[in-house]
PDB file of N, CA and C in Angstrom:
ATOM      1  N   MET A   1    -109.951  45.182 150.125  1.00  0.00           N
ATOM      2  CA  MET A   1    -111.043  44.780 148.406  1.00  0.00           C
ATOM      3  C   MET A   1    -110.058  43.655 148.432  1.00  0.00           C
ATOM      4  N   GLU A   2    -110.840  42.637 148.500  1.00  0.00           N
ATOM      5  CA  GLU A   2    -110.007  41.495 147.257  1.00  0.00           C
ATOM      6  C   GLU A   2    -111.005  41.354 146.282  1.00  0.00           C
ATOM      7  N   THR A   3    -109.381  40.831 145.244  1.00  0.00           N
ATOM      8  CA  THR A   3    -110.381  40.682 143.312  1.00  0.00           C
ATOM      9  C   THR A   3    -109.935  39.719 143.265  1.00  0.00           C
ATOM     10  N   SER A   4    -110.899  38.227 142.725  1.00  0.00           N
ATOM     11  CA  SER A   4    -110.385  37.022 142.234  1.00  0.00           C
ATOM     12  C   SER A   4    -109.418  37.911 140.908  1.00  0.00           C
ATOM     13  N   LEU A   5    -109.037  36.606 140.698  1.00  0.00           N
ATOM     14  CA  LEU A   5    -108.308  36.528 138.983  1.00  0.00           C
ATOM     15  C   LEU A   5    -109.309  36.344 137.867  1.00  0.00           C
ATOM     16  N   ARG A   6    -108.976  36.851 136.546  1.00  0.00           N
ATOM     17  CA  ARG A   6    -109.912  35.955 136.150  1.00  0.00           C
ATOM     18  C   ARG A   6    -109.832  35.265 135.115  1.00  0.00           C
ATOM     19  N   PRO A   7    -110.006  34.163 134.915  1.00  0.00           N
ATOM     20  CA  PRO A   7    -109.926  33.021 134.223  1.00  0.00           C
ATOM     21  C   PRO A   7    -109.479  32.811 132.872  1.00  0.00           C
ATOM     22  N   LEU A   8    -108.468  33.811 132.750  1.00  0.00           N
ATOM     23  CA  LEU A   8    -108.569  34.380 130.539  1.00  0.00           C
ATOM     24  C   LEU A   8    -108.257  33.298 130.061  1.00  0.00           C
ATOM     25  N   GLY A   9    -107.312  32.139 130.604  1.00  0.00           N
ATOM     26  CA  GLY A   9    -106.414  31.661 129.876  1.00  0.00           C
ATOM     27  C   GLY A   9    -107.556  30.276 129.422  1.00  0.00           C
ATOM     28  N   THR A  10    -108.371  29.690 130.774  1.00  0.00           N
ATOM     29  CA  THR A  10    -108.860  29.157 130.447  1.00  0.00           C
ATOM     30  C   THR A  10    -110.084  29.234 129.925  1.00  0.00           C
ATOM     31  N   VAL A  11    -110.338  29.749 129.376  1.00  0.00           N
ATOM     32  CA  VAL A  11    -111.939  30.626 128.724  1.00  0.00           C
ATOM     33  C   VAL A  11    -110.912  30.529 127.605  1.00  0.00           C
ATOM     34  N   ILE A  12    -109.743  31.652 126.827  1.00  0.00           N
ATOM     35  CA  ILE A  12    -109.165  31.078 125.559  1.00  0.00           C
ATOM     36  C   ILE A  12    -108.856  29.831 124.850  1.00  0.00           C
ATOM     37  N   GLN A  13    -108.924  28.687 125.909  1.00  0.00           N
ATOM     38  CA  GLN A  13    -108.498  27.567 125.844  1.00  0.00           C
ATOM     39  C   GLN A  13    -109.875  27.142 125.538  1.00  0.00           C
ATOM     40  N   LEU A  14    -110.909  27.436 125.806  1.00  0.00           N
ATOM     41  CA  LEU A  14    -112.013  26.744 125.685  1.00  0.00           C
ATOM     42  C   LEU A  14    -112.580  27.337 124.087  1.00  0.00           C
ATOM     43  N   LEU A  15    -112.806  28.501 124.032  1.00  0.00           N
ATOM     44  CA  LEU A  15    -112.983  29.216 123.153  1.00  0.00           C
ATOM     45  C   LEU A  15    -112.492  28.697 121.951  1.00  0.00           C
ATOM     46  N   GLU A  16    -111.185  28.496 121.558  1.00  0.00           N
ATOM     47  CA  GLU A  16    -110.339  27.643 120.775  1.00  0.00           C
ATOM     48  C   GLU A  16    -111.166  26.176 120.499  1.00  0.00           C
ATOM     49  N   GLU A  17    -110.753  25.993 121.514  1.00  0.00           N
ATOM     50  CA  GLU A  17    -111.425  24.280 121.468  1.00  0.00           C
ATOM     51  C   GLU A  17    -112.730  23.691 120.355  1.00  0.00           C
ATOM     52  N   LEU A  18    -113.080  24.817 120.412  1.00  0.00           N
ATOM     53  CA  LEU A  18    -114.610  25.027 119.791  1.00  0.00           C
ATOM     54  C   LEU A  18    -115.047  25.932 118.778  1.00  0.00           C
ATOM     55  N   GLY A  19    -113.604  26.297 118.003  1.00  0.00           N
ATOM     56  CA  GLY A  19    -113.049  26.588 117.395  1.00  0.00           C
ATOM     57  C   GLY A  19    -113.266  28.084 116.825  1.00  0.00           C
ATOM     58  N   HIS A  20    -113.566  28.534 117.655  1.00  0.00           N
ATOM     59  CA  HIS A  20    -113.701  30.056 117.806  1.00  0.00           C
ATOM     60  C   HIS A  20    -112.481  31.281 117.931  1.00  0.00           C
ATOM     61  N   GLU A  21    -112.521  31.815 117.791  1.00  0.00           N
ATOM     62  CA  GLU A  21    -110.787  33.166 118.106  1.00  0.00           C
ATOM     63  C   GLU A  21    -111.461  34.000 118.504  1.00  0.00           C
ATOM     64  N   VAL A  22    -110.219  34.641 119.939  1.00  0.00           N
ATOM     65  CA  VAL A  22    -110.693  35.930 120.560  1.00  0.00           C
ATOM     66  C   VAL A  22    -109.746  36.577 120.034  1.00  0.00           C
ATOM     67  N   THR A  23    -111.027  38.375 119.604  1.00  0.00           N
ATOM     68  CA  THR A  23    -110.570  38.570 118.734  1.00  0.00           C
ATOM     69  C   THR A  23    -109.753  39.907 119.360  1.00  0.00           C
ATOM     70  N   TYR A  24    -110.139  40.196 120.771  1.00  0.00           N
ATOM     71  CA  TYR A  24    -109.961  40.885 121.704  1.00  0.00           C
ATOM     72  C   TYR A  24    -110.568  40.681 122.784  1.00  0.00           C
ATOM     73  N   ALA A  25    -109.553  40.754 123.895  1.00  0.00           N
ATOM     74  CA  ALA A  25    -109.512  41.143 125.011  1.00  0.00           C
ATOM     75  C   ALA A  25    -109.434  42.270 125.934  1.00  0.00           C
ATOM     76  N   TYR A  26    -109.527  42.390 127.182  1.00  0.00           N
ATOM     77  CA  TYR A  26    -110.280  44.610 127.214  1.00  0.00           C
ATOM     78  C   TYR A  26    -110.598  44.586 128.857  1.00  0.00           C
ATOM     79  N   GLU A  27    -110.079  44.365 129.938  1.00  0.00           N
ATOM     80  CA  GLU A  27    -111.204  44.314 131.128  1.00  0.00           C
ATOM     81  C   GLU A  27    -111.637  43.006 131.550  1.00  0.00           C
ATOM     82  N   ASP A  28    -113.028  43.511 131.214  1.00  0.00           N
ATOM     83  CA  ASP A  28    -114.233  42.052 131.842  1.00  0.00           C
ATOM     84  C   ASP A  28    -114.505  42.014 130.832  1.00  0.00           C
ATOM     85  N   LEU A  29    -114.122  41.758 129.866  1.00  0.00           N
ATOM     86  CA  LEU A  29    -114.961  41.311 128.162  1.00  0.00           C
ATOM     87  C   LEU A  29    -114.024  40.785 127.453  1.00  0.00           C
ATOM     88  N   VAL A  30    -114.103  39.772 126.595  1.00  0.00           N
ATOM     89  CA  VAL A  30    -112.951  39.082 125.021  1.00  0.00           C
ATOM     90  C   VAL A  30    -114.592  39.128 124.439  1.00  0.00           C
ATOM     91  N   PHE A  31    -113.974  39.108 123.525  1.00  0.00           N
ATOM     92  CA  PHE A  31    -115.476  39.756 122.211  1.00  0.00           C
ATOM     93  C   PHE A  31    -114.011  38.540 120.757  1.00  0.00           C
ATOM     94  N   VAL A  32    -115.083  37.676 120.545  1.00  0.00           N
ATOM     95  CA  VAL A  32    -114.797  36.731 120.129  1.00  0.00           C
ATOM     96  C   VAL A  32    -115.085  36.820 119.107  1.00  0.00           C
ATOM     97  N   ASN A  33    -115.097  36.160 117.759  1.00  0.00           N
ATOM     98  CA  ASN A  33    -114.897  36.052 116.176  1.00  0.00           C
ATOM     99  C   ASN A  33    -115.160  37.178 115.603  1.00  0.00           C
ATOM    100  N   HIS A  34    -114.846  38.196 116.114  1.00  0.00           N
ATOM    101  CA  HIS A  34    -114.971  39.426 115.301  1.00  0.00           C
ATOM    102  C   HIS A  34    -115.266  40.682 115.334  1.00  0.00           C
ATOM    103  N   ASN A  35    -115.915  40.696 116.333  1.00  0.00           N
ATOM    104  CA  ASN A  35    -117.358  40.937 117.314  1.00  0.00           C
ATOM    105  C   ASN A  35    -118.139  40.356 116.430  1.00  0.00           C
ATOM    106  N   GLY A  36    -118.224  39.315 117.120  1.00  0.00           N
ATOM    107  CA  GLY A  36    -120.087  38.199 116.451  1.00  0.00           C
ATOM    108  C   GLY A  36    -120.946  37.835 118.614  1.00  0.00           C
ATOM    109  N   PHE A  37    -119.773  37.253 119.093  1.00  0.00           N
ATOM    110  CA  PHE A  37    -120.379  37.498 120.191  1.00  0.00           C
ATOM    111  C   PHE A  37    -119.095  37.864 121.265  1.00  0.00           C
ATOM    112  N   LEU A  38    -119.452  38.106 122.222  1.00  0.00           N
ATOM    113  CA  LEU A  38    -118.823  38.583 123.546  1.00  0.00           C
ATOM    114  C   LEU A  38    -119.150  37.775 124.708  1.00  0.00           C
ATOM    115  N   LEU A  39    -117.793  37.703 125.751  1.00  0.00           N
ATOM    116  CA  LEU A  39    -117.978  37.115 126.949  1.00  0.00           C
ATOM    117  C   LEU A  39    -118.254  38.292 127.923  1.00  0.00           C
ATOM    118  N   GLN A  40    -118.649  38.318 128.916  1.00  0.00           N
ATOM    119  CA  GLN A  40    -118.249  39.232 129.974  1.00  0.00           C
ATOM    120  C   GLN A  40    -117.898  38.375 132.019  1.00  0.00           C
ATOM    121  N   PHE A  41    -116.842  38.584 132.159  1.00  0.00           N
ATOM    122  CA  PHE A  41    -116.199  38.101 133.437  1.00  0.00           C
ATOM    123  C   PHE A  41    -117.447  38.935 134.385  1.00  0.00           C
ATOM    124  N   GLU A  42    -118.379  37.675 134.953  1.00  0.00           N
ATOM    125  CA  GLU A  42    -119.053  38.169 136.172  1.00  0.00           C
ATOM    126  C   GLU A  42    -117.658  38.781 137.628  1.00  0.00           C
ATOM    127  N   ASN A  43    -118.026  39.634 138.487  1.00  0.00           N
ATOM    128  CA  ASN A  43    -116.372  40.261 139.178  1.00  0.00           C
ATOM    129  C   ASN A  43    -116.778  39.310 140.521  1.00  0.00           C
ATOM    130  N   THR A  44    -117.172  38.116 140.450  1.00  0.00           N
ATOM    131  CA  THR A  44    -116.479  37.151 140.991  1.00  0.00           C
ATOM    132  C   THR A  44    -116.944  35.968 141.058  1.00  0.00           C
ATOM    133  N   GLY A  45    -115.462  34.929 141.324  1.00  0.00           N
ATOM    134  CA  GLY A  45    -115.612  32.920 141.020  1.00  0.00           C
ATOM    135  C   GLY A  45    -114.881  32.967 138.779  1.00  0.00           C
ATOM    136  N   PRO A  46    -115.577  32.304 138.389  1.00  0.00           N
ATOM    137  CA  PRO A  46    -114.975  31.806 137.089  1.00  0.00           C
ATOM    138  C   PRO A  46    -116.588  31.842 135.790  1.00  0.00           C
ATOM    139  N   THR A  47    -117.627  32.768 136.138  1.00  0.00           N
ATOM    140  CA  THR A  47    -118.704  32.711 136.023  1.00  0.00           C
ATOM    141  C   THR A  47    -118.558  34.104 134.558  1.00  0.00           C
ATOM    142  N   LEU A  48    -119.471  33.510 133.391  1.00  0.00           N
ATOM    143  CA  LEU A  48    -119.636  34.734 132.939  1.00  0.00           C
ATOM    144  C   LEU A  48    -120.874  34.731 131.940  1.00  0.00           C
ATOM    145  N   ASN A  49    -121.043  36.060 131.382  1.00  0.00           N
ATOM    146  CA  ASN A  49    -122.481  35.914 130.856  1.00  0.00           C
ATOM    147  C   ASN A  49    -121.590  36.147 129.284  1.00  0.00           C
ATOM    148  N   LEU A  50    -122.634  35.210 128.589  1.00  0.00           N
ATOM    149  CA  LEU A  50    -122.534  35.634 127.063  1.00  0.00           C
ATOM    150  C   LEU A  50    -123.766  36.263 126.575  1.00  0.00           C
ATOM    151  N   PHE A  51    -123.234  37.432 125.942  1.00  0.00           N
ATOM    152  CA  PHE A  51    -124.093  38.332 124.563  1.00  0.00           C
ATOM    153  C   PHE A  51    -123.453  38.286 123.390  1.00  0.00           C
ATOM    154  N   PHE A  52    -124.666  38.127 122.429  1.00  0.00           N
ATOM    155  CA  PHE A  52    -124.018  37.927 121.010  1.00  0.00           C
ATOM    156  C   PHE A  52    -124.404  39.389 120.359  1.00  0.00           C
ATOM    157  N   ASN A  53    -124.284  39.742 119.536  1.00  0.00           N
ATOM    158  CA  ASN A  53    -123.894  41.084 118.589  1.00  0.00           C
ATOM    159  C   ASN A  53    -125.425  41.112 117.965  1.00  0.00           C
ATOM    160  N   ARG A  54    -125.973  41.980 118.083  1.00  0.00           N
ATOM    161  CA  ARG A  54    -127.960  42.164 117.633  1.00  0.00           C
ATOM    162  C   ARG A  54    -127.686  41.572 116.266  1.00  0.00           C
ATOM    163  N   ASN A  55    -126.397  41.762 115.421  1.00  0.00           N
ATOM    164  CA  ASN A  55    -126.866  41.570 114.058  1.00  0.00           C
ATOM    165  C   ASN A  55    -125.995  40.702 114.134  1.00  0.00           C
ATOM    166  N   PHE A  56    -125.758  39.633 114.556  1.00  0.00           N
ATOM    167  CA  PHE A  56    -125.325  37.075 114.398  1.00  0.00           C
ATOM    168  C   PHE A  56    -126.892  36.828 114.307  1.00  0.00           C
ATOM    169  N   PRO A  57    -126.470  36.488 113.329  1.00  0.00           N
ATOM    170  CA  PRO A  57    -127.397  35.139 113.348  1.00  0.00           C
ATOM    171  C   PRO A  57    -128.121  34.666 114.144  1.00  0.00           C
ATOM    172  N   LYS A  58    -129.670  34.650 114.525  1.00  0.00           N
ATOM    173  CA  LYS A  58    -130.184  33.588 115.622  1.00  0.00           C
ATOM    174  C   LYS A  58    -129.432  32.161 115.452  1.00  0.00           C
ATOM    175  N   LYS A  59    -130.070  31.428 114.711  1.00  0.00           N
ATOM    176  CA  LYS A  59    -129.665  29.690 114.251  1.00  0.00           C
ATOM    177  C   LYS A  59    -128.026  29.821 115.077  1.00  0.00           C
ATOM    178  N   GLU A  60    -126.895  30.592 114.411  1.00  0.00           N
ATOM    179  CA  GLU A  60    -125.656  30.838 114.007  1.00  0.00           C
ATOM    180  C   GLU A  60    -125.550  30.619 116.170  1.00  0.00           C
ATOM    181  N   ALA A  61    -126.501  31.841 116.984  1.00  0.00           N
ATOM    182  CA  ALA A  61    -126.505  31.901 117.939  1.00  0.00           C
ATOM    183  C   ALA A  61    -126.449  31.217 119.002  1.00  0.00           C
ATOM    184  N   ASP A  62    -127.720  30.424 118.463  1.00  0.00           N
ATOM    185  CA  ASP A  62    -128.738  29.162 118.738  1.00  0.00           C
ATOM    186  C   ASP A  62    -127.398  27.945 118.822  1.00  0.00           C
ATOM    187  N   SER A  63    -126.728  27.899 118.081  1.00  0.00           N
ATOM    188  CA  SER A  63    -126.392  27.145 117.979  1.00  0.00           C
ATOM    189  C   SER A  63    -124.653  26.584 118.591  1.00  0.00           C
ATOM    190  N   ILE A  64    -124.064  28.003 119.142  1.00  0.00           N
ATOM    191  CA  ILE A  64    -122.847  28.540 119.738  1.00  0.00           C
ATOM    192  C   ILE A  64    -123.424  28.154 120.743  1.00  0.00           C
ATOM    193  N   GLU A  65    -124.379  28.849 121.825  1.00  0.00           N
ATOM    194  CA  GLU A  65    -125.135  28.770 122.930  1.00  0.00           C
ATOM    195  C   GLU A  65    -124.536  27.171 123.619  1.00  0.00           C
ATOM    196  N   GLN A  66    -125.254  26.419 122.926  1.00  0.00           N
ATOM    197  CA  GLN A  66    -125.711  24.971 122.822  1.00  0.00           C
ATOM    198  C   GLN A  66    -124.570  23.958 122.984  1.00  0.00           C
ATOM    199  N   SER A  67    -123.088  24.390 121.886  1.00  0.00           N
ATOM    200  CA  SER A  67    -122.274  23.764 122.667  1.00  0.00           C
ATOM    201  C   SER A  67    -121.260  24.762 123.673  1.00  0.00           C
ATOM    202  N   ILE A  68    -121.277  25.860 124.133  1.00  0.00           N
ATOM    203  CA  ILE A  68    -120.331  26.538 125.112  1.00  0.00           C
ATOM    204  C   ILE A  68    -120.877  26.249 125.831  1.00  0.00           C
ATOM    205  N   ILE A  69    -122.105  26.122 126.163  1.00  0.00           N
ATOM    206  CA  ILE A  69    -122.195  26.702 128.155  1.00  0.00           C
ATOM    207  C   ILE A  69    -122.120  25.127 128.441  1.00  0.00           C
ATOM    208  N   PRO A  70    -122.511  23.456 128.300  1.00  0.00           N
ATOM    209  CA  PRO A  70    -121.500  22.934 128.458  1.00  0.00           C
ATOM    210  C   PRO A  70    -120.576  22.398 128.403  1.00  0.00           C
ATOM    211  N   ALA A  71    -119.544  23.218 127.125  1.00  0.00           N
ATOM    212  CA  ALA A  71    -118.137  22.574 127.474  1.00  0.00           C
ATOM    213  C   ALA A  71    -117.164  23.706 128.469  1.00  0.00           C
ATOM    214  N   ALA A  72    -118.199  24.487 128.769  1.00  0.00           N
ATOM    215  CA  ALA A  72    -117.639  25.618 129.848  1.00  0.00           C
ATOM    216  C   ALA A  72    -117.878  24.500 131.193  1.00  0.00           C
ATOM    217  N   ASP A  73    -118.517  24.770 131.310  1.00  0.00           N
ATOM    218  CA  ASP A  73    -118.872  23.960 132.696  1.00  0.00           C
ATOM    219  C   ASP A  73    -117.777  22.464 132.875  1.00  0.00           C
ATOM    220  N   ARG A  74    -117.518  21.338 131.917  1.00  0.00           N
ATOM    221  CA  ARG A  74    -116.438  21.019 131.808  1.00  0.00           C
ATOM    222  C   ARG A  74    -115.291  21.291 132.064  1.00  0.00           C
ATOM    223  N   LEU A  75    -114.369  22.667 132.657  1.00  0.00           N
ATOM    224  CA  LEU A  75    -113.216  23.591 132.316  1.00  0.00           C
ATOM    225  C   LEU A  75    -113.541  23.952 133.565  1.00  0.00           C
ATOM    226  N   GLY A  76    -115.001  23.820 134.297  1.00  0.00           N
ATOM    227  CA  GLY A  76    -114.847  24.686 135.648  1.00  0.00           C
ATOM    228  C   GLY A  76    -115.246  25.887 135.706  1.00  0.00           C
ATOM    229  N   LEU A  77    -115.811  26.523 134.238  1.00  0.00           N
ATOM    230  CA  LEU A  77    -116.418  27.858 134.386  1.00  0.00           C
ATOM    231  C   LEU A  77    -118.118  27.720 134.472  1.00  0.00           C
ATOM    232  N   ALA A  78    -118.685  28.595 134.110  1.00  0.00           N
ATOM    233  CA  ALA A  78    -119.813  28.394 134.460  1.00  0.00           C
ATOM    234  C   ALA A  78    -121.043  30.197 132.929  1.00  0.00           C
ATOM    235  N   ILE A  79    -121.862  30.008 131.852  1.00  0.00           N
ATOM    236  CA  ILE A  79    -121.806  30.352 131.160  1.00  0.00           C
ATOM    237  C   ILE A  79    -122.843  31.034 131.203  1.00  0.00           C
ATOM    238  N   ASN A  80    -123.665  32.125 131.617  1.00  0.00           N
ATOM    239  CA  ASN A  80    -125.409  33.076 131.334  1.00  0.00           C
ATOM    240  C   ASN A  80    -125.273  33.335 129.900  1.00  0.00           C
ATOM    241  N   LYS A  81    -126.546  32.987 129.697  1.00  0.00           N
ATOM    242  CA  LYS A  81    -126.875  33.526 128.062  1.00  0.00           C
ATOM    243  C   LYS A  81    -127.663  35.253 128.625  1.00  0.00           C
ATOM    244  N   LYS A  82    -127.211  36.268 128.357  1.00  0.00           N
ATOM    245  CA  LYS A  82    -128.045  37.177 129.016  1.00  0.00           C
ATOM    246  C   LYS A  82    -128.066  38.156 128.039  1.00  0.00           C
ATOM    247  N   GLY A  83    -128.146  38.098 126.968  1.00  0.00           N
ATOM    248  CA  GLY A  83    -128.732  38.831 125.717  1.00  0.00           C
ATOM    249  C   GLY A  83    -127.717  39.339 124.577  1.00  0.00           C
ATOM    250  N   ARG A  84    -128.679  39.750 123.717  1.00  0.00           N
ATOM    251  CA  ARG A  84    -127.465  41.194 122.822  1.00  0.00           C
ATOM    252  C   ARG A  84    -126.763  42.136 123.159  1.00  0.00           C
ATOM    253  N   TYR A  85    -125.815  42.779 121.968  1.00  0.00           N
ATOM    254  CA  TYR A  85    -125.358  43.834 122.534  1.00  0.00           C
ATOM    255  C   TYR A  85    -125.313  45.153 121.375  1.00  0.00           C
ATOM    256  N   ASN A  86    -124.884  45.829 120.931  1.00  0.00           N
ATOM    257  CA  ASN A  86    -124.056  46.702 119.891  1.00  0.00           C
ATOM    258  C   ASN A  86    -123.357  47.232 120.033  1.00  0.00           C
ATOM    259  N   LEU A  87    -122.563  47.001 119.113  1.00  0.00           N
ATOM    260  CA  LEU A  87    -121.602  48.346 119.046  1.00  0.00           C
ATOM    261  C   LEU A  87    -121.563  49.072 118.427  1.00  0.00           C
ATOM    262  N   THR A  88    -120.616  50.823 118.958  1.00  0.00           N
ATOM    263  CA  THR A  88    -120.210  51.646 118.430  1.00  0.00           C
ATOM    264  C   THR A  88    -119.635  52.444 117.899  1.00  0.00           C
ATOM    265  N   GLU A  89    -118.616  52.640 116.849  1.00  0.00           N
ATOM    266  CA  GLU A  89    -117.463  53.163 117.182  1.00  0.00           C
ATOM    267  C   GLU A  89    -117.602  54.892 116.831  1.00  0.00           C
ATOM    268  N   GLN A  90    -116.920  55.101 118.204  1.00  0.00           N
ATOM    269  CA  GLN A  90    -117.129  56.826 118.798  1.00  0.00           C
ATOM    270  C   GLN A  90    -115.629  57.399 118.060  1.00  0.00           C
ATOM    271  N   GLU A  91    -115.412  58.820 118.321  1.00  0.00           N
ATOM    272  CA  GLU A  91    -114.215  59.811 117.803  1.00  0.00           C
ATOM    273  C   GLU A  91    -113.152  58.524 118.556  1.00  0.00           C
ATOM    274  N   ASN A  92    -111.730  59.298 118.572  1.00  0.00           N
ATOM    275  CA  ASN A  92    -110.700  58.260 118.819  1.00  0.00           C
ATOM    276  C   ASN A  92    -110.059  57.266 119.235  1.00  0.00           C
ATOM    277  N   GLU A  93    -111.595  56.541 118.283  1.00  0.00           N
ATOM    278  CA  GLU A  93    -111.139  55.158 118.317  1.00  0.00           C
ATOM    279  C   GLU A  93    -111.603  54.392 119.416  1.00  0.00           C
ATOM    280  N   ASN A  94    -112.754  55.174 119.911  1.00  0.00           N
ATOM    281  CA  ASN A  94    -113.194  54.852 121.064  1.00  0.00           C
ATOM    282  C   ASN A  94    -114.310  53.816 120.973  1.00  0.00           C
ATOM    283  N   VAL A  95    -115.412  53.264 121.433  1.00  0.00           N
ATOM    284  CA  VAL A  95    -116.405  52.372 121.086  1.00  0.00           C
ATOM    285  C   VAL A  95    -117.500  52.352 122.282  1.00  0.00           C
ATOM    286  N   GLN A  96    -118.378  52.306 121.795  1.00  0.00           N
ATOM    287  CA  GLN A  96    -119.207  52.576 122.538  1.00  0.00           C
ATOM    288  C   GLN A  96    -120.745  50.954 122.941  1.00  0.00           C
ATOM    289  N   ILE A  97    -120.474  50.496 123.808  1.00  0.00           N
ATOM    290  CA  ILE A  97    -121.415  49.145 123.724  1.00  0.00           C
ATOM    291  C   ILE A  97    -123.065  49.204 124.102  1.00  0.00           C
ATOM    292  N   GLU A  98    -123.957  48.753 124.157  1.00  0.00           N
ATOM    293  CA  GLU A  98    -124.919  48.972 124.258  1.00  0.00           C
ATOM    294  C   GLU A  98    -125.376  47.272 124.912  1.00  0.00           C
ATOM    295  N   PHE A  99    -125.666  47.286 126.343  1.00  0.00           N
ATOM    296  CA  PHE A  99    -126.437  45.878 125.880  1.00  0.00           C
ATOM    297  C   PHE A  99    -128.052  45.673 126.459  1.00  0.00           C
ATOM    298  N   PHE A 100    -127.930  44.767 125.859  1.00  0.00           N
ATOM    299  CA  PHE A 100    -129.953  44.477 125.399  1.00  0.00           C
ATOM    300  C   PHE A 100    -129.973  42.785 126.280  1.00  0.00           C
ATOM    301  N   ASP A 101    -131.178  42.622 126.978  1.00  0.00           N
ATOM    302  CA  ASP A 101    -131.639  41.650 127.527  1.00  0.00           C
ATOM    303  C   ASP A 101    -132.506  41.054 126.880  1.00  0.00           C
ATOM    304  N   ASN A 102    -132.477  39.960 127.082  1.00  0.00           N
ATOM    305  CA  ASN A 102    -133.276  38.180 126.024  1.00  0.00           C
ATOM    306  C   ASN A 102    -134.243  38.981 125.632  1.00  0.00           C
TER     307      ASN A 102
END
């Protein structure tokens, strides 16, 4: 089984150039701006899915989407807007993430 490396360094560079902060990266998820939105790596290639926190203001989400997608393209990344998510704290410092389509 062949697995491709995820370009986390390029993603961090992209986000920093746009004034965002990576607050946590775990497996295929990159949390940004203290849980405002996240990027999820696809299984193959430099493709990521963009999800906004369910409570994140739509106007700000639209602005981020309009800046991040073309900037990612210039760095060889593809970002697809997928929808929203909700994060719920569980016992033992675990979290549950629910994803919602657009």
